[in-house]
Amino acid sequence: MSFEGYSQCWCEDGHCFVSEAGMFADDSSFRCPHCKKPAVVVHTVDDTNCDSCGLILAQDIKTFLIKEAVIEECPTCHAKKVTSPEVYRIPTEEEITKLEVYRRSDEHGDEYHRICDNSLVSKEDGNA
């Protein structure tokens, strides 16, 4: 039996990132791409059955936002660059458990339901 999935992670500086490392990867696989510090929270999303079991939606992650990203724009070519990523409060295990969802798909599209109580979640944005 194989595992397909990824991890939603937070480093000690509060940067949130996704790691494609498998659920049995060693700790060095879970390093922040922004500051290179190790993850202090590694939350696995199981996508083996294509249902994103355990996913925390982007709209829910945003509720932990402490500081917006700093983006600079080149005055010549107008290219934008993130000079400082968003910073989040690191969620507790209890908060994560309450926010986890799974996806149900049918001919009408996707629906997300909370794992803790099976309630339907209204998606506020296009990011899962």
N, C-alpha and C. Protein backbone atom coordinates (compact mmCIF):
# COMPACT_ATOMS: atom_id res chain seq x y z
N MET A 1 0.85 -1.18 0.00
CA MET A 1 0.00 0.00 0.00
C MET A 1 0.90 1.24 0.00
N SER A 2 0.55 2.21 -0.79
CA SER A 2 1.36 3.42 -0.87
C SER A 2 0.65 4.60 -0.22
N PHE A 3 1.42 5.62 0.06
CA PHE A 3 0.89 6.85 0.64
C PHE A 3 1.10 7.97 -0.36
N GLU A 4 0.06 8.75 -0.57
CA GLU A 4 0.17 9.97 -1.36
C GLU A 4 -0.31 11.11 -0.50
N GLY A 5 0.48 12.13 -0.41
CA GLY A 5 0.09 13.27 0.40
C GLY A 5 1.21 14.27 0.53
N TYR A 6 1.05 15.16 1.47
CA TYR A 6 2.01 16.23 1.70
C TYR A 6 1.80 16.73 3.11
N SER A 7 2.62 17.67 3.54
CA SER A 7 2.50 18.21 4.89
C SER A 7 2.36 19.72 4.86
N GLN A 8 1.48 20.22 5.69
CA GLN A 8 1.36 21.65 5.92
C GLN A 8 2.19 21.92 7.18
N CYS A 9 3.15 22.84 7.07
CA CYS A 9 4.13 23.02 8.13
C CYS A 9 4.21 24.48 8.58
N TRP A 10 4.66 24.66 9.83
CA TRP A 10 4.98 25.97 10.38
C TRP A 10 6.36 25.88 11.02
N CYS A 11 7.23 26.84 10.72
CA CYS A 11 8.54 26.87 11.36
C CYS A 11 8.45 27.72 12.63
N GLU A 12 9.53 27.75 13.39
CA GLU A 12 9.53 28.47 14.66
C GLU A 12 9.35 29.98 14.48
N ASP A 13 9.64 30.50 13.28
CA ASP A 13 9.44 31.93 13.02
C ASP A 13 8.02 32.24 12.55
N GLY A 14 7.16 31.21 12.42
CA GLY A 14 5.78 31.42 12.04
C GLY A 14 5.52 31.43 10.55
N HIS A 15 6.49 30.98 9.77
CA HIS A 15 6.25 30.87 8.33
C HIS A 15 5.49 29.57 8.06
N CYS A 16 4.48 29.65 7.22
CA CYS A 16 3.67 28.48 6.86
C CYS A 16 4.10 28.04 5.47
N PHE A 17 4.33 26.73 5.30
CA PHE A 17 4.77 26.22 4.01
C PHE A 17 4.29 24.79 3.82
N VAL A 18 4.33 24.34 2.59
CA VAL A 18 3.93 22.98 2.25
C VAL A 18 5.18 22.19 1.88
N SER A 19 5.28 20.99 2.41
CA SER A 19 6.38 20.10 2.07
C SER A 19 5.82 18.88 1.35
N GLU A 20 6.42 18.54 0.24
CA GLU A 20 6.00 17.37 -0.52
C GLU A 20 6.62 16.10 0.02
N ALA A 21 7.44 16.22 1.05
CA ALA A 21 8.08 15.04 1.63
C ALA A 21 7.02 14.09 2.15
N GLY A 22 7.25 12.82 2.01
CA GLY A 22 6.29 11.81 2.45
C GLY A 22 6.14 11.77 3.96
N MET A 23 5.14 11.05 4.42
CA MET A 23 4.85 11.04 5.84
C MET A 23 5.94 10.37 6.66
N PHE A 24 6.81 9.60 6.04
CA PHE A 24 7.88 8.92 6.77
C PHE A 24 9.24 9.56 6.52
N ALA A 25 9.25 10.80 6.02
CA ALA A 25 10.50 11.49 5.74
C ALA A 25 11.21 11.85 7.04
N ASP A 26 12.51 12.06 6.95
CA ASP A 26 13.23 12.47 8.16
C ASP A 26 13.01 13.96 8.40
N ASP A 27 13.35 14.42 9.60
CA ASP A 27 13.09 15.79 10.01
C ASP A 27 13.74 16.85 9.12
N SER A 28 14.85 16.51 8.49
CA SER A 28 15.54 17.49 7.65
C SER A 28 14.72 17.84 6.40
N SER A 29 13.73 17.02 6.07
CA SER A 29 12.86 17.29 4.92
C SER A 29 11.89 18.43 5.19
N PHE A 30 11.70 18.74 6.45
CA PHE A 30 10.71 19.75 6.83
C PHE A 30 11.41 21.03 7.28
N ARG A 31 12.09 21.67 6.35
CA ARG A 31 12.78 22.94 6.61
C ARG A 31 12.06 24.05 5.86
N CYS A 32 11.94 25.18 6.51
CA CYS A 32 11.27 26.34 5.92
C CYS A 32 12.04 26.84 4.70
N PRO A 33 11.35 27.04 3.58
CA PRO A 33 12.03 27.54 2.39
C PRO A 33 12.43 29.01 2.51
N HIS A 34 11.87 29.72 3.51
CA HIS A 34 12.16 31.14 3.68
C HIS A 34 13.37 31.38 4.58
N CYS A 35 13.37 30.74 5.76
CA CYS A 35 14.43 31.00 6.74
C CYS A 35 15.32 29.79 7.00
N LYS A 36 14.97 28.65 6.42
CA LYS A 36 15.73 27.39 6.53
C LYS A 36 15.68 26.76 7.92
N LYS A 37 14.84 27.28 8.81
CA LYS A 37 14.71 26.69 10.14
C LYS A 37 13.79 25.47 10.07
N PRO A 38 13.94 24.54 11.03
CA PRO A 38 13.09 23.34 11.00
C PRO A 38 11.64 23.65 11.34
N ALA A 39 10.77 22.83 10.84
CA ALA A 39 9.35 22.96 11.16
C ALA A 39 9.12 22.56 12.61
N VAL A 40 8.25 23.30 13.29
CA VAL A 40 7.87 22.94 14.65
C VAL A 40 6.50 22.27 14.66
N VAL A 41 5.74 22.46 13.58
CA VAL A 41 4.47 21.75 13.37
C VAL A 41 4.50 21.17 11.98
N VAL A 42 4.28 19.86 11.89
CA VAL A 42 4.20 19.16 10.61
C VAL A 42 2.86 18.44 10.61
N HIS A 43 1.96 18.92 9.78
CA HIS A 43 0.60 18.38 9.72
C HIS A 43 0.41 17.65 8.39
N THR A 44 0.20 16.34 8.45
CA THR A 44 0.11 15.52 7.24
C THR A 44 -1.29 15.56 6.64
N VAL A 45 -1.35 15.74 5.33
CA VAL A 45 -2.59 15.68 4.56
C VAL A 45 -2.51 14.42 3.70
N ASP A 46 -3.45 13.52 3.92
CA ASP A 46 -3.47 12.24 3.20
C ASP A 46 -4.33 12.39 1.95
N ASP A 47 -3.69 12.26 0.79
CA ASP A 47 -4.40 12.38 -0.47
C ASP A 47 -4.40 11.06 -1.24
N THR A 48 -4.17 9.96 -0.52
CA THR A 48 -4.11 8.64 -1.14
C THR A 48 -5.40 8.32 -1.90
N ASN A 49 -6.53 8.66 -1.30
CA ASN A 49 -7.83 8.40 -1.93
C ASN A 49 -8.41 9.65 -2.59
N CYS A 50 -7.56 10.62 -2.88
CA CYS A 50 -7.95 11.86 -3.56
C CYS A 50 -8.99 12.66 -2.79
N ASP A 51 -8.94 12.59 -1.44
CA ASP A 51 -9.93 13.32 -0.66
C ASP A 51 -9.32 14.37 0.27
N SER A 52 -8.01 14.61 0.16
CA SER A 52 -7.32 15.63 0.95
C SER A 52 -7.65 15.53 2.44
N CYS A 53 -7.65 14.34 2.96
CA CYS A 53 -8.04 14.12 4.35
C CYS A 53 -7.03 14.77 5.31
N GLY A 54 -7.53 15.68 6.12
CA GLY A 54 -6.70 16.39 7.09
C GLY A 54 -6.28 17.77 6.65
N LEU A 55 -6.66 18.17 5.44
CA LEU A 55 -6.30 19.48 4.91
C LEU A 55 -6.80 20.60 5.82
N ILE A 56 -5.98 21.64 5.97
CA ILE A 56 -6.43 22.88 6.59
C ILE A 56 -6.54 23.89 5.46
N LEU A 57 -7.73 24.38 5.22
CA LEU A 57 -7.99 25.30 4.11
C LEU A 57 -7.22 26.61 4.29
N ALA A 58 -6.84 27.23 3.17
CA ALA A 58 -6.11 28.50 3.19
C ALA A 58 -6.88 29.56 3.98
N GLN A 59 -8.20 29.57 3.85
CA GLN A 59 -9.00 30.57 4.57
C GLN A 59 -8.89 30.37 6.08
N ASP A 60 -8.69 29.13 6.53
CA ASP A 60 -8.53 28.87 7.96
C ASP A 60 -7.11 29.20 8.42
N ILE A 61 -6.13 28.94 7.58
CA ILE A 61 -4.75 29.30 7.92
C ILE A 61 -4.64 30.81 8.08
N LYS A 62 -5.35 31.56 7.24
CA LYS A 62 -5.30 33.03 7.30
C LYS A 62 -5.78 33.56 8.65
N THR A 63 -6.59 32.81 9.39
CA THR A 63 -7.05 33.29 10.70
C THR A 63 -5.91 33.38 11.70
N PHE A 64 -4.78 32.75 11.41
CA PHE A 64 -3.61 32.80 12.29
C PHE A 64 -2.60 33.86 11.86
N LEU A 65 -2.92 34.63 10.82
CA LEU A 65 -2.00 35.63 10.27
C LEU A 65 -1.69 36.72 11.28
N ILE A 66 -0.40 36.96 11.50
CA ILE A 66 0.07 38.02 12.40
C ILE A 66 0.60 39.20 11.59
N LYS A 67 1.34 38.88 10.52
CA LYS A 67 1.99 39.92 9.73
C LYS A 67 1.91 39.58 8.25
N GLU A 68 1.44 40.53 7.46
CA GLU A 68 1.36 40.35 6.01
C GLU A 68 2.76 40.27 5.40
N ALA A 69 2.85 39.66 4.25
CA ALA A 69 4.11 39.60 3.52
C ALA A 69 4.50 40.99 3.05
N VAL A 70 5.80 41.24 2.97
CA VAL A 70 6.32 42.49 2.42
C VAL A 70 6.74 42.20 0.98
N ILE A 71 6.14 42.93 0.07
CA ILE A 71 6.40 42.73 -1.37
C ILE A 71 6.96 44.02 -1.95
N GLU A 72 8.09 43.90 -2.62
CA GLU A 72 8.69 45.06 -3.27
C GLU A 72 8.53 44.92 -4.78
N GLU A 73 8.39 46.07 -5.43
CA GLU A 73 8.23 46.08 -6.88
C GLU A 73 9.39 46.84 -7.52
N CYS A 74 9.96 46.26 -8.55
CA CYS A 74 11.05 46.89 -9.29
C CYS A 74 10.47 48.10 -10.03
N PRO A 75 11.06 49.28 -9.84
CA PRO A 75 10.53 50.47 -10.51
C PRO A 75 10.73 50.44 -12.04
N THR A 76 11.66 49.64 -12.51
CA THR A 76 11.93 49.57 -13.94
C THR A 76 11.02 48.57 -14.65
N CYS A 77 11.05 47.31 -14.21
CA CYS A 77 10.29 46.27 -14.92
C CYS A 77 8.99 45.89 -14.21
N HIS A 78 8.78 46.42 -13.02
CA HIS A 78 7.57 46.18 -12.21
C HIS A 78 7.41 44.73 -11.75
N ALA A 79 8.49 43.98 -11.79
CA ALA A 79 8.45 42.62 -11.23
C ALA A 79 8.33 42.73 -9.72
N LYS A 80 7.54 41.83 -9.15
CA LYS A 80 7.32 41.85 -7.70
C LYS A 80 8.09 40.72 -7.04
N LYS A 81 8.61 41.01 -5.85
CA LYS A 81 9.41 40.04 -5.11
C LYS A 81 9.01 40.10 -3.64
N VAL A 82 8.80 38.93 -3.04
CA VAL A 82 8.50 38.86 -1.61
C VAL A 82 9.82 39.01 -0.86
N THR A 83 9.96 40.07 -0.09
CA THR A 83 11.19 40.28 0.68
C THR A 83 11.05 39.78 2.11
N SER A 84 9.83 39.62 2.55
CA SER A 84 9.57 39.06 3.88
C SER A 84 8.24 38.32 3.81
N PRO A 85 8.24 37.01 4.08
CA PRO A 85 7.00 36.23 3.95
C PRO A 85 6.01 36.53 5.08
N GLU A 86 4.78 36.07 4.87
CA GLU A 86 3.77 36.21 5.92
C GLU A 86 4.22 35.49 7.18
N VAL A 87 3.77 36.00 8.32
CA VAL A 87 4.08 35.37 9.61
C VAL A 87 2.75 35.01 10.28
N TYR A 88 2.70 33.79 10.78
CA TYR A 88 1.49 33.27 11.41
C TYR A 88 1.74 32.88 12.86
N ARG A 89 0.70 32.94 13.65
CA ARG A 89 0.74 32.32 14.97
C ARG A 89 0.70 30.82 14.73
N ILE A 90 1.50 30.08 15.44
CA ILE A 90 1.55 28.63 15.24
C ILE A 90 0.33 28.02 15.93
N PRO A 91 -0.50 27.29 15.18
CA PRO A 91 -1.72 26.72 15.77
C PRO A 91 -1.40 25.58 16.73
N THR A 92 -2.29 25.42 17.69
CA THR A 92 -2.16 24.30 18.63
C THR A 92 -2.71 23.04 17.97
N GLU A 93 -2.39 21.90 18.54
CA GLU A 93 -2.90 20.63 18.02
C GLU A 93 -4.43 20.62 18.08
N GLU A 94 -4.99 21.19 19.14
CA GLU A 94 -6.46 21.26 19.27
C GLU A 94 -7.07 22.11 18.16
N GLU A 95 -6.46 23.24 17.86
CA GLU A 95 -6.96 24.10 16.79
C GLU A 95 -6.88 23.38 15.44
N ILE A 96 -5.78 22.69 15.20
CA ILE A 96 -5.63 21.95 13.96
C ILE A 96 -6.72 20.90 13.83
N THR A 97 -6.97 20.16 14.90
CA THR A 97 -7.99 19.10 14.89
C THR A 97 -9.37 19.67 14.54
N LYS A 98 -9.69 20.85 15.03
CA LYS A 98 -11.00 21.46 14.75
C LYS A 98 -11.11 21.98 13.32
N LEU A 99 -9.97 22.26 12.68
CA LEU A 99 -9.98 22.85 11.33
C LEU A 99 -9.83 21.83 10.21
N GLU A 100 -9.38 20.62 10.51
CA GLU A 100 -9.14 19.62 9.46
C GLU A 100 -10.41 19.33 8.66
N VAL A 101 -10.22 19.21 7.35
CA VAL A 101 -11.34 18.88 6.46
C VAL A 101 -10.97 17.69 5.58
N TYR A 102 -11.98 17.17 4.91
CA TYR A 102 -11.77 16.21 3.83
C TYR A 102 -12.66 16.64 2.68
N ARG A 103 -12.30 16.22 1.48
CA ARG A 103 -13.02 16.64 0.28
C ARG A 103 -13.91 15.51 -0.22
N ARG A 104 -15.15 15.89 -0.56
CA ARG A 104 -16.06 14.99 -1.26
C ARG A 104 -16.27 15.57 -2.65
N SER A 105 -16.13 14.74 -3.65
CA SER A 105 -16.31 15.20 -5.03
C SER A 105 -17.44 14.44 -5.69
N ASP A 106 -18.23 15.15 -6.47
CA ASP A 106 -19.25 14.51 -7.29
C ASP A 106 -19.40 15.32 -8.57
N GLU A 107 -20.44 15.04 -9.33
CA GLU A 107 -20.62 15.72 -10.62
C GLU A 107 -20.86 17.23 -10.48
N HIS A 108 -21.17 17.70 -9.27
CA HIS A 108 -21.41 19.12 -9.03
C HIS A 108 -20.16 19.85 -8.55
N GLY A 109 -19.09 19.11 -8.29
CA GLY A 109 -17.85 19.73 -7.84
C GLY A 109 -17.40 19.20 -6.49
N ASP A 110 -16.57 19.97 -5.83
CA ASP A 110 -16.00 19.57 -4.54
C ASP A 110 -16.73 20.22 -3.38
N GLU A 111 -16.85 19.47 -2.31
CA GLU A 111 -17.35 19.99 -1.03
C GLU A 111 -16.33 19.63 0.02
N TYR A 112 -16.14 20.53 0.99
CA TYR A 112 -15.23 20.26 2.09
C TYR A 112 -16.03 20.14 3.38
N HIS A 113 -15.70 19.11 4.15
CA HIS A 113 -16.40 18.85 5.41
C HIS A 113 -15.38 18.77 6.54
N ARG A 114 -15.74 19.31 7.71
CA ARG A 114 -14.88 19.21 8.88
C ARG A 114 -14.85 17.75 9.33
N ILE A 115 -13.66 17.25 9.64
CA ILE A 115 -13.52 15.89 10.12
C ILE A 115 -14.15 15.75 11.51
N CYS A 116 -14.00 16.77 12.36
CA CYS A 116 -14.45 16.67 13.75
C CYS A 116 -15.96 16.51 13.90
N ASP A 117 -16.76 17.09 12.98
CA ASP A 117 -18.21 17.00 13.13
C ASP A 117 -18.96 16.80 11.80
N ASN A 118 -18.24 16.60 10.72
CA ASN A 118 -18.79 16.37 9.38
C ASN A 118 -19.57 17.56 8.83
N SER A 119 -19.41 18.75 9.44
CA SER A 119 -20.12 19.94 8.95
C SER A 119 -19.53 20.41 7.62
N LEU A 120 -20.40 20.93 6.75
CA LEU A 120 -19.99 21.46 5.46
C LEU A 120 -19.27 22.79 5.67
N VAL A 121 -18.15 22.99 4.98
CA VAL A 121 -17.38 24.22 5.10
C VAL A 121 -17.61 25.05 3.85
N SER A 122 -17.94 26.30 4.04
CA SER A 122 -18.09 27.23 2.92
C SER A 122 -16.72 27.74 2.55
N LYS A 123 -16.31 27.48 1.31
CA LYS A 123 -14.99 27.96 0.87
C LYS A 123 -15.12 29.42 0.44
N GLU A 124 -14.31 30.26 1.07
CA GLU A 124 -14.35 31.69 0.80
C GLU A 124 -13.43 32.12 -0.32
N ASP A 125 -12.50 31.24 -0.68
CA ASP A 125 -11.57 31.59 -1.76
C ASP A 125 -11.28 30.34 -2.59
N GLY A 126 -10.50 30.50 -3.61
CA GLY A 126 -10.21 29.38 -4.50
C GLY A 126 -9.05 28.51 -4.07
N ASN A 127 -8.49 28.77 -2.90
CA ASN A 127 -7.32 28.01 -2.46
C ASN A 127 -7.70 26.95 -1.45
N ALA A 128 -7.33 25.74 -1.72
CA ALA A 128 -7.58 24.67 -0.76
C ALA A 128 -6.40 24.53 0.16
